[in-house]
């Protein structure tokens, strides 16, 4: 799939027990400036050699509380899945977008990540009045104001919520693709350049979903072409 998205919105009860890893300071500043719906935006999957980069945008209700919500990279799998399920149920709006490996190779991973974030914002069921974007790069968006926040997924509840939703979705996608592309360990490495994955690329070859613009994949392709040329000459 080239670029896909999922959209959902809803509200429900809140989880109030436990400690809270992120705060509302950044959202409160936006609310004080007049924003009604503040969306946290984050991406996952910039580093892998395989598959799409995925972004999520999430608008949380102001009374939202969720024990343990934090940067998805700091959470165990079960904790991420628990948090993502609560976010999807209670969010005012949330959306996902993914940009595939072919597009990543064509425009580069930075631009593909920004594209995925923009498309996630576009697909929100309730339009945002302000965006909090993880990182230091703004996206091409004129629908409302935006603020970039370095390590925002560890500082903002809304960005952390987007982080876990995107991570859980992409991990599930990798587990599905592991059945279609066995032998690469995708269900374990999620497409990242582990020793297991890199060895499998050399042994099994480059698939249609590998990112050919990434150095380890380029090297595997060049090695395979060199071997083929040697055999033809021989």
Protein backbone atom coordinates (compact mmCIF):
# COMPACT_ATOMS: atom_id res chain seq x y z
CA UNK A 1 0.00 0.00 0.00
CA UNK A 2 1.31 3.42 -0.92
CA UNK A 3 -0.23 5.78 1.59
CA UNK A 4 -2.93 4.61 3.96
CA UNK A 5 -4.82 6.02 6.89
CA UNK A 6 -7.23 5.06 9.62
CA UNK A 7 -9.51 7.46 11.44
CA UNK A 8 -11.53 7.14 14.63
CA UNK A 9 -12.93 9.35 17.33
CA UNK A 10 -14.59 8.80 20.66
CA UNK A 11 -14.73 9.55 24.37
CA UNK A 12 -15.30 7.49 27.46
CA UNK A 13 -14.18 7.08 31.05
CA UNK A 14 -10.73 7.96 32.31
CA UNK A 15 -8.00 5.96 33.98
CA UNK A 16 -6.85 7.80 37.11
CA UNK A 17 -4.67 5.37 39.04
CA UNK A 18 -0.89 5.38 39.01
CA UNK A 19 1.73 7.95 38.08
CA UNK A 20 1.72 10.18 35.00
CA UNK A 21 4.88 10.46 32.92
CA UNK A 22 3.83 13.37 30.71
CA UNK A 23 2.13 16.63 31.49
CA UNK A 24 -0.24 19.20 30.04
CA UNK A 25 1.99 22.28 30.13
CA UNK A 26 2.35 22.56 26.35
CA UNK A 27 -1.33 21.92 25.73
CA UNK A 28 -2.28 24.43 28.45
CA UNK A 29 -0.25 27.13 26.74
CA UNK A 30 -2.11 26.48 23.48
CA UNK A 31 -5.48 26.45 25.24
CA UNK A 32 -4.64 29.74 26.98
CA UNK A 33 -3.87 31.24 23.57
CA UNK A 34 -7.34 30.31 22.33
CA UNK A 35 -6.94 26.84 20.81
CA UNK A 36 -9.84 24.49 21.47
CA UNK A 37 -8.57 21.19 20.04
CA UNK A 38 -4.84 20.58 20.37
CA UNK A 39 -3.45 17.63 18.41
CA UNK A 40 -0.27 15.82 19.32
CA UNK A 41 1.56 14.50 16.24
CA UNK A 42 4.34 11.92 16.12
CA UNK A 43 5.84 9.37 13.76
CA UNK A 44 7.45 5.97 14.15
CA UNK A 45 9.60 3.98 11.78
CA UNK A 46 12.25 6.37 10.51
CA UNK A 47 15.10 3.96 11.21
CA UNK A 48 13.93 0.60 9.83
CA UNK A 49 15.21 -0.90 6.58
CA UNK A 50 11.78 -2.33 5.78
CA UNK A 51 8.24 -1.06 5.47
CA UNK A 52 6.34 2.16 5.93
CA UNK A 53 6.87 5.11 8.19
CA UNK A 54 3.72 5.67 10.24
CA UNK A 55 2.41 8.85 11.87
CA UNK A 56 -0.46 9.50 14.25
CA UNK A 57 -2.34 12.63 15.26
CA UNK A 58 -4.37 12.60 18.48
CA UNK A 59 -6.69 15.15 20.08
CA UNK A 60 -7.31 14.32 23.74
CA UNK A 61 -10.08 15.63 25.99
CA UNK A 62 -8.86 18.11 28.59
CA UNK A 63 -9.74 15.81 31.49
CA UNK A 64 -7.85 12.84 30.02
CA UNK A 65 -5.70 10.85 32.45
CA UNK A 66 -3.80 7.65 31.74
CA UNK A 67 -1.39 5.99 34.12
CA UNK A 68 2.03 5.32 32.60
CA UNK A 69 1.56 7.19 29.33
CA UNK A 70 4.99 8.09 27.97
CA UNK A 71 7.19 8.01 24.88
CA UNK A 72 6.38 4.68 23.22
CA UNK A 73 10.08 3.75 23.10
CA UNK A 74 10.16 3.82 26.92
CA UNK A 75 7.23 1.41 27.34
CA UNK A 76 7.06 -2.36 27.20
CA UNK A 77 4.88 -3.89 24.51
CA UNK A 78 2.00 -4.71 26.86
CA UNK A 79 2.07 -1.18 28.31
CA UNK A 80 2.05 0.36 24.83
CA UNK A 81 -0.91 -1.74 23.78
CA UNK A 82 -2.83 -0.88 26.95
CA UNK A 83 -2.18 2.84 26.51
CA UNK A 84 -3.00 2.79 22.79
CA UNK A 85 -6.31 1.04 23.42
CA UNK A 86 -7.35 3.67 26.00
CA UNK A 87 -6.28 6.53 23.73
CA UNK A 88 -8.23 5.17 20.77
CA UNK A 89 -11.33 4.81 22.95
CA UNK A 90 -11.20 8.12 24.78
CA UNK A 91 -9.68 10.53 22.26
CA UNK A 92 -11.79 13.31 20.79
CA UNK A 93 -10.20 12.30 17.48
CA UNK A 94 -7.27 10.25 16.26
CA UNK A 95 -5.89 9.30 12.86
CA UNK A 96 -3.07 7.30 11.34
CA UNK A 97 -1.24 7.66 8.05
CA UNK A 98 1.55 5.62 6.52
CA UNK A 99 3.96 6.32 3.69
CA UNK A 100 5.47 3.31 1.97
CA UNK A 101 9.05 2.33 1.22
CA UNK A 102 8.87 3.37 -2.43
CA UNK A 103 7.86 6.89 -1.45
CA UNK A 104 10.57 6.97 1.22
CA UNK A 105 13.14 6.08 -1.46
CA UNK A 106 11.78 8.75 -3.78
CA UNK A 107 11.54 11.71 -1.39
CA UNK A 108 13.86 10.60 1.52
CA UNK A 109 12.87 9.50 5.01
CA UNK A 110 12.67 13.00 6.50
CA UNK A 111 10.21 14.24 3.90
CA UNK A 112 8.26 10.98 4.04
CA UNK A 113 7.91 11.36 7.82
CA UNK A 114 6.66 14.92 7.44
CA UNK A 115 4.23 13.76 4.74
CA UNK A 116 2.86 11.02 7.00
CA UNK A 117 2.36 13.51 9.85
CA UNK A 118 0.58 15.96 7.56
CA UNK A 119 -1.73 13.27 6.24
CA UNK A 120 -2.53 12.10 9.77
CA UNK A 121 -3.55 15.66 10.67
CA UNK A 122 -5.65 15.93 7.51
CA UNK A 123 -7.54 12.77 8.44
CA UNK A 124 -8.57 13.80 11.94
CA UNK A 125 -12.31 13.41 12.40
CA UNK A 126 -12.37 16.67 14.37
CA UNK A 127 -10.12 19.37 12.91
CA UNK A 128 -7.35 20.56 15.22
CA UNK A 129 -6.92 24.23 16.21
CA UNK A 130 -3.24 23.78 17.07
CA UNK A 131 -0.55 21.15 16.52
CA UNK A 132 2.18 19.95 18.87
CA UNK A 133 4.70 18.12 16.69
CA UNK A 134 7.42 15.87 18.04
CA UNK A 135 10.89 16.88 16.84
CA UNK A 136 12.30 20.08 15.38
CA UNK A 137 10.70 20.13 11.92
CA UNK A 138 7.39 21.77 11.11
CA UNK A 139 5.06 20.15 8.61
CA UNK A 140 3.49 21.73 5.54
CA UNK A 141 0.18 22.71 7.08
CA UNK A 142 -1.72 25.98 6.98
CA UNK A 143 -4.92 24.85 8.65
CA UNK A 144 -3.81 26.02 12.11
CA UNK A 145 -0.77 26.99 14.12
CA UNK A 146 1.90 24.49 15.07
CA UNK A 147 4.78 24.12 17.49
CA UNK A 148 7.69 21.69 17.29
CA UNK A 149 8.83 20.08 20.53
CA UNK A 150 12.12 18.19 20.82
CA UNK A 151 11.49 14.98 22.80
CA UNK A 152 7.86 15.99 22.86
CA UNK A 153 6.71 12.40 23.33
CA UNK A 154 8.25 12.52 26.82
CA UNK A 155 6.80 15.98 27.64
CA UNK A 156 3.31 16.20 26.17
CA UNK A 157 0.35 13.91 26.86
CA UNK A 158 -0.97 14.50 23.34
CA UNK A 159 2.31 13.70 21.61
CA UNK A 160 2.88 10.66 23.82
CA UNK A 161 -0.60 9.44 22.90
CA UNK A 162 0.23 9.81 19.21
CA UNK A 163 3.51 8.00 19.77
CA UNK A 164 1.93 4.89 21.28
CA UNK A 165 -0.90 4.75 18.74
CA UNK A 166 1.56 4.91 15.84
CA UNK A 167 3.97 2.41 17.40
CA UNK A 168 1.31 -0.18 18.20
CA UNK A 169 -0.15 0.08 14.70
CA UNK A 170 3.23 -0.25 12.96
CA UNK A 171 4.34 -3.17 15.13
CA UNK A 172 1.11 -4.99 14.29
CA UNK A 173 1.69 -4.32 10.61
CA UNK A 174 5.21 -5.75 10.84
CA UNK A 175 3.92 -8.91 12.50
CA UNK A 176 1.44 -9.34 9.65
CA UNK A 177 4.13 -8.79 7.01
CA UNK A 178 6.42 -11.28 8.75
CA UNK A 179 4.07 -14.02 7.55
CA UNK A 180 4.28 -12.73 3.99
CA UNK A 181 8.06 -12.27 4.15
CA UNK A 182 9.35 -15.06 6.42
CA UNK A 183 12.97 -15.37 7.44
CA UNK A 184 13.74 -11.70 8.10
CA UNK A 185 12.62 -11.74 11.73
CA UNK A 186 10.23 -8.85 11.18
CA UNK A 187 8.00 -10.00 14.03
CA UNK A 188 10.95 -9.36 16.35
CA UNK A 189 12.99 -6.55 14.80
CA UNK A 190 10.05 -4.59 13.29
CA UNK A 191 12.18 -3.90 10.24
CA UNK A 192 15.04 -2.27 12.15
CA UNK A 193 18.65 -3.05 11.11
CA UNK A 194 19.44 -5.77 13.63
CA UNK A 195 22.18 -8.28 12.93
CA UNK A 196 19.51 -10.90 12.23
CA UNK A 197 17.75 -8.68 9.72
CA UNK A 198 20.90 -7.58 7.91
CA UNK A 199 22.13 -11.17 7.62
CA UNK A 200 18.75 -12.23 6.24
CA UNK A 201 18.89 -9.53 3.57
CA UNK A 202 22.24 -10.90 2.39
CA UNK A 203 21.02 -14.49 2.53
CA UNK A 204 17.46 -14.10 1.20
CA UNK A 205 17.71 -10.92 -0.84
CA UNK A 206 15.94 -7.57 -0.87
CA UNK A 207 12.14 -7.60 -0.91
CA UNK A 208 9.75 -5.16 -2.56
CA UNK A 209 9.18 -3.49 0.81
CA UNK A 210 12.82 -2.87 1.70
CA UNK A 211 14.05 0.73 1.55
CA UNK A 212 16.56 0.77 -1.27
CA UNK A 213 17.86 4.23 -0.34
CA UNK A 214 19.14 2.92 3.02
CA UNK A 215 22.81 1.94 3.04
CA UNK A 216 22.56 -1.70 4.26
CA UNK A 217 19.95 -2.42 1.58
CA UNK A 218 22.02 -0.63 -1.08
CA UNK A 219 25.05 -2.68 -0.11
CA UNK A 220 23.10 -5.94 -0.33
CA UNK A 221 21.80 -5.01 -3.78
CA UNK A 222 25.28 -4.07 -4.98
CA UNK A 223 26.72 -7.31 -3.62
CA UNK A 224 24.02 -9.34 -5.36
CA UNK A 225 24.58 -7.50 -8.64
CA UNK A 226 28.33 -7.99 -8.35
CA UNK A 227 27.90 -11.70 -7.76
CA UNK A 228 25.57 -11.97 -10.75
CA UNK A 229 28.04 -10.10 -12.94
CA UNK A 230 30.87 -12.37 -11.81
CA UNK A 231 28.84 -15.48 -12.59
CA UNK A 232 27.91 -14.12 -16.02
CA UNK A 233 31.56 -13.38 -16.79
CA UNK A 234 32.59 -16.81 -15.60
